[in-house]
């Protein structure tokens, strides 16, 4: 699903304000990085950007970093599954 599709589903949902008020903080202390995002569409866009970035890295990805790529994919897939089942 694209970020635009997520935004469209949110706008058509019964409670778009619920989706727009969700806040998530991504903390990655091992690289001294923290990012607070508000709204499911912003979170989803960030996840897609991370996945796209990881996909641009020449294979093979070092074993140490495979979990990082999988993390972003797993979180995005969870949002996809939520929308498929419960978005209204």
PDB file of N, CA and C in Angstrom:
ATOM      1  N   UNK A   1       0.861  -1.169   0.000  1.00  0.00           N
ATOM      2  CA  UNK A   1       0.000   0.000   0.000  1.00  0.00           C
ATOM      3  C   UNK A   1       0.908   1.232   0.000  1.00  0.00           C
ATOM      4  N   UNK A   2       0.461   2.268  -0.670  1.00  0.00           N
ATOM      5  CA  UNK A   2       1.224   3.516  -0.708  1.00  0.00           C
ATOM      6  C   UNK A   2       0.731   4.456   0.395  1.00  0.00           C
ATOM      7  N   UNK A   3       1.512   5.494   0.641  1.00  0.00           N
ATOM      8  CA  UNK A   3       1.106   6.497   1.621  1.00  0.00           C
ATOM      9  C   UNK A   3      -0.183   7.175   1.182  1.00  0.00           C
ATOM     10  N   UNK A   4      -0.331   7.407  -0.110  1.00  0.00           N
ATOM     11  CA  UNK A   4      -1.555   8.031  -0.624  1.00  0.00           C
ATOM     12  C   UNK A   4      -2.767   7.145  -0.365  1.00  0.00           C
ATOM     13  N   UNK A   5      -2.612   5.845  -0.518  1.00  0.00           N
ATOM     14  CA  UNK A   5      -3.711   4.919  -0.237  1.00  0.00           C
ATOM     15  C   UNK A   5      -4.063   4.930   1.254  1.00  0.00           C
ATOM     16  N   UNK A   6      -3.068   5.029   2.100  1.00  0.00           N
ATOM     17  CA  UNK A   6      -3.314   5.120   3.538  1.00  0.00           C
ATOM     18  C   UNK A   6      -4.102   6.388   3.845  1.00  0.00           C
ATOM     19  N   UNK A   7      -3.676   7.510   3.276  1.00  0.00           N
ATOM     20  CA  UNK A   7      -4.387   8.775   3.501  1.00  0.00           C
ATOM     21  C   UNK A   7      -5.828   8.692   3.019  1.00  0.00           C
ATOM     22  N   UNK A   8      -6.033   8.043   1.884  1.00  0.00           N
ATOM     23  CA  UNK A   8      -7.389   7.899   1.348  1.00  0.00           C
ATOM     24  C   UNK A   8      -8.255   7.060   2.288  1.00  0.00           C
ATOM     25  N   UNK A   9      -7.716   5.950   2.773  1.00  0.00           N
ATOM     26  CA  UNK A   9      -8.469   5.108   3.714  1.00  0.00           C
ATOM     27  C   UNK A   9      -8.793   5.876   4.992  1.00  0.00           C
ATOM     28  N   UNK A  10      -7.830   6.655   5.476  1.00  0.00           N
ATOM     29  CA  UNK A  10      -8.070   7.439   6.685  1.00  0.00           C
ATOM     30  C   UNK A  10      -9.177   8.447   6.460  1.00  0.00           C
ATOM     31  N   UNK A  11      -9.146   9.127   5.333  1.00  0.00           N
ATOM     32  CA  UNK A  11     -10.170  10.146   5.054  1.00  0.00           C
ATOM     33  C   UNK A  11     -11.557   9.535   4.918  1.00  0.00           C
ATOM     34  N   UNK A  12     -11.634   8.282   4.509  1.00  0.00           N
ATOM     35  CA  UNK A  12     -12.926   7.611   4.337  1.00  0.00           C
ATOM     36  C   UNK A  12     -13.367   6.840   5.587  1.00  0.00           C
ATOM     37  N   UNK A  13     -12.514   6.816   6.597  1.00  0.00           N
ATOM     38  CA  UNK A  13     -12.851   6.065   7.808  1.00  0.00           C
ATOM     39  C   UNK A  13     -13.865   6.831   8.653  1.00  0.00           C
ATOM     40  N   UNK A  14     -14.445   6.138   9.616  1.00  0.00           N
ATOM     41  CA  UNK A  14     -15.429   6.752  10.512  1.00  0.00           C
ATOM     42  C   UNK A  14     -14.782   7.688  11.523  1.00  0.00           C
ATOM     43  N   UNK A  15     -13.483   7.494  11.791  1.00  0.00           N
ATOM     44  CA  UNK A  15     -12.795   8.302  12.800  1.00  0.00           C
ATOM     45  C   UNK A  15     -11.422   8.748  12.314  1.00  0.00           C
ATOM     46  N   UNK A  16     -11.379   9.603  11.302  1.00  0.00           N
ATOM     47  CA  UNK A  16     -10.065  10.034  10.805  1.00  0.00           C
ATOM     48  C   UNK A  16      -9.233  10.742  11.864  1.00  0.00           C
ATOM     49  N   UNK A  17      -9.894  11.405  12.800  1.00  0.00           N
ATOM     50  CA  UNK A  17      -9.145  12.099  13.851  1.00  0.00           C
ATOM     51  C   UNK A  17      -8.352  11.120  14.718  1.00  0.00           C
ATOM     52  N   UNK A  18      -8.864   9.911  14.889  1.00  0.00           N
ATOM     53  CA  UNK A  18      -8.137   8.901  15.653  1.00  0.00           C
ATOM     54  C   UNK A  18      -6.812   8.582  14.959  1.00  0.00           C
ATOM     55  N   UNK A  19      -6.849   8.353  13.662  1.00  0.00           N
ATOM     56  CA  UNK A  19      -5.644   8.046  12.894  1.00  0.00           C
ATOM     57  C   UNK A  19      -4.661   9.216  12.891  1.00  0.00           C
ATOM     58  N   UNK A  20      -5.192  10.418  12.801  1.00  0.00           N
ATOM     59  CA  UNK A  20      -4.339  11.601  12.719  1.00  0.00           C
ATOM     60  C   UNK A  20      -3.719  11.984  14.063  1.00  0.00           C
ATOM     61  N   UNK A  21      -4.252  11.445  15.145  1.00  0.00           N
ATOM     62  CA  UNK A  21      -3.728  11.802  16.471  1.00  0.00           C
ATOM     63  C   UNK A  21      -2.772  10.747  17.039  1.00  0.00           C
ATOM     64  N   UNK A  22      -2.567   9.644  16.349  1.00  0.00           N
ATOM     65  CA  UNK A  22      -1.634   8.615  16.824  1.00  0.00           C
ATOM     66  C   UNK A  22      -0.219   9.180  16.787  1.00  0.00           C
ATOM     67  N   UNK A  23       0.519   8.939  17.848  1.00  0.00           N
ATOM     68  CA  UNK A  23       1.898   9.417  17.950  1.00  0.00           C
ATOM     69  C   UNK A  23       2.807   8.221  18.197  1.00  0.00           C
ATOM     70  N   UNK A  24       3.893   8.200  17.485  1.00  0.00           N
ATOM     71  CA  UNK A  24       4.884   7.139  17.671  1.00  0.00           C
ATOM     72  C   UNK A  24       6.266   7.768  17.693  1.00  0.00           C
ATOM     73  N   UNK A  25       7.073   7.301  18.623  1.00  0.00           N
ATOM     74  CA  UNK A  25       8.457   7.752  18.695  1.00  0.00           C
ATOM     75  C   UNK A  25       9.362   6.579  18.357  1.00  0.00           C
ATOM     76  N   UNK A  26      10.184   6.771  17.361  1.00  0.00           N
ATOM     77  CA  UNK A  26      11.161   5.767  16.966  1.00  0.00           C
ATOM     78  C   UNK A  26      12.488   6.131  17.639  1.00  0.00           C
ATOM     79  N   UNK A  27      12.954   5.247  18.508  1.00  0.00           N
ATOM     80  CA  UNK A  27      14.205   5.463  19.224  1.00  0.00           C
ATOM     81  C   UNK A  27      15.228   4.428  18.786  1.00  0.00           C
ATOM     82  N   UNK A  28      16.364   4.920  18.334  1.00  0.00           N
ATOM     83  CA  UNK A  28      17.456   4.052  17.945  1.00  0.00           C
ATOM     84  C   UNK A  28      18.715   4.552  18.651  1.00  0.00           C
ATOM     85  N   UNK A  29      18.856   4.202  19.938  1.00  0.00           N
ATOM     86  CA  UNK A  29      19.948   4.748  20.734  1.00  0.00           C
ATOM     87  C   UNK A  29      21.335   4.359  20.233  1.00  0.00           C
ATOM     88  N   UNK A  30      21.457   3.231  19.574  1.00  0.00           N
ATOM     89  CA  UNK A  30      22.769   2.783  19.108  1.00  0.00           C
ATOM     90  C   UNK A  30      23.312   3.663  17.990  1.00  0.00           C
ATOM     91  N   UNK A  31      22.452   4.485  17.359  1.00  0.00           N
ATOM     92  CA  UNK A  31      22.922   5.465  16.367  1.00  0.00           C
ATOM     93  C   UNK A  31      22.554   6.881  16.799  1.00  0.00           C
ATOM     94  N   UNK A  32      22.154   7.018  18.052  1.00  0.00           N
ATOM     95  CA  UNK A  32      21.808   8.322  18.629  1.00  0.00           C
ATOM     96  C   UNK A  32      20.746   9.047  17.791  1.00  0.00           C
ATOM     97  N   UNK A  33      19.640   8.345  17.521  1.00  0.00           N
ATOM     98  CA  UNK A  33      18.588   8.901  16.679  1.00  0.00           C
ATOM     99  C   UNK A  33      17.231   8.663  17.326  1.00  0.00           C
ATOM    100  N   UNK A  34      16.408   9.698  17.338  1.00  0.00           N
ATOM    101  CA  UNK A  34      15.044   9.606  17.845  1.00  0.00           C
ATOM    102  C   UNK A  34      14.161  10.469  16.945  1.00  0.00           C
ATOM    103  N   UNK A  35      12.992   9.961  16.615  1.00  0.00           N
ATOM    104  CA  UNK A  35      12.073  10.687  15.739  1.00  0.00           C
ATOM    105  C   UNK A  35      10.649  10.470  16.221  1.00  0.00           C
ATOM    106  N   UNK A  36       9.951  11.570  16.511  1.00  0.00           N
ATOM    107  CA  UNK A  36       8.558  11.507  16.948  1.00  0.00           C
ATOM    108  C   UNK A  36       7.680  11.917  15.765  1.00  0.00           C
ATOM    109  N   UNK A  37       6.727  11.048  15.428  1.00  0.00           N
ATOM    110  CA  UNK A  37       5.818  11.298  14.309  1.00  0.00           C
ATOM    111  C   UNK A  37       4.386  11.274  14.791  1.00  0.00           C
ATOM    112  N   UNK A  38       3.570  12.138  14.223  1.00  0.00           N
ATOM    113  CA  UNK A  38       2.155  12.187  14.569  1.00  0.00           C
ATOM    114  C   UNK A  38       1.336  11.875  13.325  1.00  0.00           C
ATOM    115  N   UNK A  39       0.414  10.949  13.476  1.00  0.00           N
ATOM    116  CA  UNK A  39      -0.472  10.560  12.389  1.00  0.00           C
ATOM    117  C   UNK A  39       0.002   9.280  11.724  1.00  0.00           C
ATOM    118  N   UNK A  40      -0.935   8.396  11.476  1.00  0.00           N
ATOM    119  CA  UNK A  40      -0.606   7.108  10.876  1.00  0.00           C
ATOM    120  C   UNK A  40       0.006   7.297   9.490  1.00  0.00           C
ATOM    121  N   UNK A  41      -0.475   8.264   8.727  1.00  0.00           N
ATOM    122  CA  UNK A  41       0.080   8.445   7.383  1.00  0.00           C
ATOM    123  C   UNK A  41       1.543   8.902   7.452  1.00  0.00           C
ATOM    124  N   UNK A  42       1.902   9.737   8.410  1.00  0.00           N
ATOM    125  CA  UNK A  42       3.300  10.166   8.567  1.00  0.00           C
ATOM    126  C   UNK A  42       4.177   8.987   8.996  1.00  0.00           C
ATOM    127  N   UNK A  43       3.657   8.176   9.884  1.00  0.00           N
ATOM    128  CA  UNK A  43       4.388   6.988  10.332  1.00  0.00           C
ATOM    129  C   UNK A  43       4.599   6.043   9.156  1.00  0.00           C
ATOM    130  N   UNK A  44       3.548   5.834   8.384  1.00  0.00           N
ATOM    131  CA  UNK A  44       3.613   4.925   7.242  1.00  0.00           C
ATOM    132  C   UNK A  44       4.599   5.442   6.191  1.00  0.00           C
ATOM    133  N   UNK A  45       4.581   6.740   5.955  1.00  0.00           N
ATOM    134  CA  UNK A  45       5.501   7.335   4.986  1.00  0.00           C
ATOM    135  C   UNK A  45       6.954   7.130   5.432  1.00  0.00           C
ATOM    136  N   UNK A  46       7.233   7.345   6.709  1.00  0.00           N
ATOM    137  CA  UNK A  46       8.575   7.129   7.240  1.00  0.00           C
ATOM    138  C   UNK A  46       9.006   5.680   7.042  1.00  0.00           C
ATOM    139  N   UNK A  47       8.121   4.751   7.357  1.00  0.00           N
ATOM    140  CA  UNK A  47       8.456   3.332   7.204  1.00  0.00           C
ATOM    141  C   UNK A  47       8.771   3.003   5.749  1.00  0.00           C
ATOM    142  N   UNK A  48       7.954   3.507   4.823  1.00  0.00           N
ATOM    143  CA  UNK A  48       8.216   3.257   3.399  1.00  0.00           C
ATOM    144  C   UNK A  48       9.542   3.856   2.958  1.00  0.00           C
ATOM    145  N   UNK A  49       9.876   5.032   3.456  1.00  0.00           N
ATOM    146  CA  UNK A  49      11.164   5.653   3.113  1.00  0.00           C
ATOM    147  C   UNK A  49      12.326   4.795   3.608  1.00  0.00           C
ATOM    148  N   UNK A  50      12.191   4.272   4.812  1.00  0.00           N
ATOM    149  CA  UNK A  50      13.252   3.426   5.360  1.00  0.00           C
ATOM    150  C   UNK A  50      13.402   2.143   4.552  1.00  0.00           C
ATOM    151  N   UNK A  51      12.290   1.520   4.219  1.00  0.00           N
ATOM    152  CA  UNK A  51      12.326   0.273   3.448  1.00  0.00           C
ATOM    153  C   UNK A  51      12.927   0.530   2.072  1.00  0.00           C
ATOM    154  N   UNK A  52      12.520   1.615   1.427  1.00  0.00           N
ATOM    155  CA  UNK A  52      13.088   1.963   0.115  1.00  0.00           C
ATOM    156  C   UNK A  52      14.592   2.178   0.221  1.00  0.00           C
ATOM    157  N   UNK A  53      15.027   2.858   1.269  1.00  0.00           N
ATOM    158  CA  UNK A  53      16.457   3.076   1.475  1.00  0.00           C
ATOM    159  C   UNK A  53      17.219   1.776   1.665  1.00  0.00           C
ATOM    160  N   UNK A  54      16.667   0.878   2.481  1.00  0.00           N
ATOM    161  CA  UNK A  54      17.322  -0.412   2.685  1.00  0.00           C
ATOM    162  C   UNK A  54      17.377  -1.204   1.395  1.00  0.00           C
ATOM    163  N   UNK A  55      16.333  -1.109   0.574  1.00  0.00           N
ATOM    164  CA  UNK A  55      16.303  -1.859  -0.688  1.00  0.00           C
ATOM    165  C   UNK A  55      17.329  -1.343  -1.692  1.00  0.00           C
ATOM    166  N   UNK A  56      17.788  -0.119  -1.531  1.00  0.00           N
ATOM    167  CA  UNK A  56      18.788   0.443  -2.441  1.00  0.00           C
ATOM    168  C   UNK A  56      20.209   0.009  -2.100  1.00  0.00           C
ATOM    169  N   UNK A  57      20.390  -0.563  -0.926  1.00  0.00           N
ATOM    170  CA  UNK A  57      21.717  -1.023  -0.524  1.00  0.00           C
ATOM    171  C   UNK A  57      22.051  -2.281  -1.307  1.00  0.00           C
ATOM    172  N   UNK A  58      23.241  -2.286  -1.861  1.00  0.00           N
ATOM    173  CA  UNK A  58      23.683  -3.451  -2.634  1.00  0.00           C
ATOM    174  C   UNK A  58      23.679  -4.690  -1.747  1.00  0.00           C
ATOM    175  N   UNK A  59      23.175  -5.743  -2.282  1.00  0.00           N
ATOM    176  CA  UNK A  59      23.126  -7.003  -1.536  1.00  0.00           C
ATOM    177  C   UNK A  59      24.492  -7.640  -1.538  1.00  0.00           C
ATOM    178  N   UNK A  60      24.834  -8.421  -0.617  1.00  0.00           N
ATOM    179  CA  UNK A  60      24.042  -8.730   0.563  1.00  0.00           C
ATOM    180  C   UNK A  60      24.220  -7.681   1.665  1.00  0.00           C
ATOM    181  N   UNK A  61      23.156  -7.475   2.408  1.00  0.00           N
ATOM    182  CA  UNK A  61      23.220  -6.593   3.571  1.00  0.00           C
ATOM    183  C   UNK A  61      23.982  -7.351   4.659  1.00  0.00           C
ATOM    184  N   UNK A  62      24.894  -6.686   5.333  1.00  0.00           N
ATOM    185  CA  UNK A  62      25.609  -7.374   6.427  1.00  0.00           C
ATOM    186  C   UNK A  62      24.635  -7.948   7.455  1.00  0.00           C
ATOM    187  N   UNK A  63      24.980  -9.102   7.980  1.00  0.00           N
ATOM    188  CA  UNK A  63      24.114  -9.794   8.948  1.00  0.00           C
ATOM    189  C   UNK A  63      23.697  -8.886  10.098  1.00  0.00           C
ATOM    190  N   UNK A  64      24.601  -8.016  10.521  1.00  0.00           N
ATOM    191  CA  UNK A  64      24.328  -7.117  11.634  1.00  0.00           C
ATOM    192  C   UNK A  64      23.154  -6.183  11.347  1.00  0.00           C
ATOM    193  N   UNK A  65      22.894  -5.899  10.082  1.00  0.00           N
ATOM    194  CA  UNK A  65      21.867  -4.928   9.710  1.00  0.00           C
ATOM    195  C   UNK A  65      20.569  -5.543   9.191  1.00  0.00           C
ATOM    196  N   UNK A  66      20.542  -6.832   8.982  1.00  0.00           N
ATOM    197  CA  UNK A  66      19.343  -7.486   8.451  1.00  0.00           C
ATOM    198  C   UNK A  66      18.135  -7.252   9.360  1.00  0.00           C
ATOM    199  N   UNK A  67      18.350  -7.276  10.670  1.00  0.00           N
ATOM    200  CA  UNK A  67      17.240  -7.066  11.604  1.00  0.00           C
ATOM    201  C   UNK A  67      16.650  -5.666  11.474  1.00  0.00           C
ATOM    202  N   UNK A  68      17.461  -4.681  11.140  1.00  0.00           N
ATOM    203  CA  UNK A  68      16.955  -3.321  10.980  1.00  0.00           C
ATOM    204  C   UNK A  68      15.993  -3.235   9.811  1.00  0.00           C
ATOM    205  N   UNK A  69      16.379  -3.800   8.695  1.00  0.00           N
ATOM    206  CA  UNK A  69      15.497  -3.803   7.522  1.00  0.00           C
ATOM    207  C   UNK A  69      14.207  -4.563   7.841  1.00  0.00           C
ATOM    208  N   UNK A  70      14.328  -5.700   8.491  1.00  0.00           N
ATOM    209  CA  UNK A  70      13.155  -6.515   8.828  1.00  0.00           C
ATOM    210  C   UNK A  70      12.226  -5.776   9.789  1.00  0.00           C
ATOM    211  N   UNK A  71      12.784  -4.993  10.709  1.00  0.00           N
ATOM    212  CA  UNK A  71      11.982  -4.236  11.673  1.00  0.00           C
ATOM    213  C   UNK A  71      11.024  -3.288  10.950  1.00  0.00           C
ATOM    214  N   UNK A  72      11.539  -2.478  10.030  1.00  0.00           N
ATOM    215  CA  UNK A  72      10.699  -1.518   9.322  1.00  0.00           C
ATOM    216  C   UNK A  72       9.635  -2.230   8.488  1.00  0.00           C
ATOM    217  N   UNK A  73      10.003  -3.321   7.866  1.00  0.00           N
ATOM    218  CA  UNK A  73       9.038  -4.085   7.063  1.00  0.00           C
ATOM    219  C   UNK A  73       7.952  -4.673   7.944  1.00  0.00           C
ATOM    220  N   UNK A  74       8.331  -5.194   9.093  1.00  0.00           N
ATOM    221  CA  UNK A  74       7.370  -5.804  10.019  1.00  0.00           C
ATOM    222  C   UNK A  74       6.372  -4.776  10.544  1.00  0.00           C
ATOM    223  N   UNK A  75       6.844  -3.591  10.892  1.00  0.00           N
ATOM    224  CA  UNK A  75       5.947  -2.551  11.401  1.00  0.00           C
ATOM    225  C   UNK A  75       4.995  -2.096  10.299  1.00  0.00           C
ATOM    226  N   UNK A  76       5.525  -1.875   9.088  1.00  0.00           N
ATOM    227  CA  UNK A  76       4.665  -1.464   7.974  1.00  0.00           C
ATOM    228  C   UNK A  76       3.629  -2.551   7.666  1.00  0.00           C
ATOM    229  N   UNK A  77       4.040  -3.802   7.659  1.00  0.00           N
ATOM    230  CA  UNK A  77       3.108  -4.901   7.398  1.00  0.00           C
ATOM    231  C   UNK A  77       2.019  -4.977   8.458  1.00  0.00           C
ATOM    232  N   UNK A  78       2.353  -4.642   9.693  1.00  0.00           N
ATOM    233  CA  UNK A  78       1.353  -4.625  10.763  1.00  0.00           C
ATOM    234  C   UNK A  78       0.300  -3.555  10.506  1.00  0.00           C
ATOM    235  N   UNK A  79       0.736  -2.403  10.022  1.00  0.00           N
ATOM    236  CA  UNK A  79      -0.227  -1.341   9.682  1.00  0.00           C
ATOM    237  C   UNK A  79      -1.092  -1.790   8.511  1.00  0.00           C
ATOM    238  N   UNK A  80      -0.494  -2.417   7.505  1.00  0.00           N
ATOM    239  CA  UNK A  80      -1.263  -2.940   6.367  1.00  0.00           C
ATOM    240  C   UNK A  80      -2.323  -3.923   6.842  1.00  0.00           C
ATOM    241  N   UNK A  81      -1.933  -4.830   7.730  1.00  0.00           N
ATOM    242  CA  UNK A  81      -2.883  -5.820   8.247  1.00  0.00           C
ATOM    243  C   UNK A  81      -3.998  -5.158   9.050  1.00  0.00           C
ATOM    244  N   UNK A  82      -3.655  -4.137   9.813  1.00  0.00           N
ATOM    245  CA  UNK A  82      -4.672  -3.407  10.569  1.00  0.00           C
ATOM    246  C   UNK A  82      -5.702  -2.784   9.619  1.00  0.00           C
ATOM    247  N   UNK A  83      -5.207  -2.121   8.571  1.00  0.00           N
ATOM    248  CA  UNK A  83      -6.117  -1.506   7.615  1.00  0.00           C
ATOM    249  C   UNK A  83      -6.983  -2.538   6.900  1.00  0.00           C
ATOM    250  N   UNK A  84      -6.413  -3.694   6.613  1.00  0.00           N
ATOM    251  CA  UNK A  84      -7.164  -4.738   5.930  1.00  0.00           C
ATOM    252  C   UNK A  84      -8.300  -5.276   6.799  1.00  0.00           C
ATOM    253  N   UNK A  85      -8.113  -5.227   8.116  1.00  0.00           N
ATOM    254  CA  UNK A  85      -9.096  -5.836   9.014  1.00  0.00           C
ATOM    255  C   UNK A  85      -9.977  -4.851   9.772  1.00  0.00           C
ATOM    256  N   UNK A  86      -9.419  -3.712  10.184  1.00  0.00           N
ATOM    257  CA  UNK A  86     -10.114  -2.890  11.164  1.00  0.00           C
ATOM    258  C   UNK A  86     -10.237  -1.416  10.839  1.00  0.00           C
ATOM    259  N   UNK A  87      -9.837  -0.954   9.703  1.00  0.00           N
ATOM    260  CA  UNK A  87      -9.641   0.471   9.546  1.00  0.00           C
ATOM    261  C   UNK A  87     -10.863   1.318   9.849  1.00  0.00           C
ATOM    262  N   UNK A  88     -12.074   0.815   9.758  1.00  0.00           N
ATOM    263  CA  UNK A  88     -13.259   1.580  10.129  1.00  0.00           C
ATOM    264  C   UNK A  88     -13.542   1.449  11.607  1.00  0.00           C
TER     265      UNK A  88
END
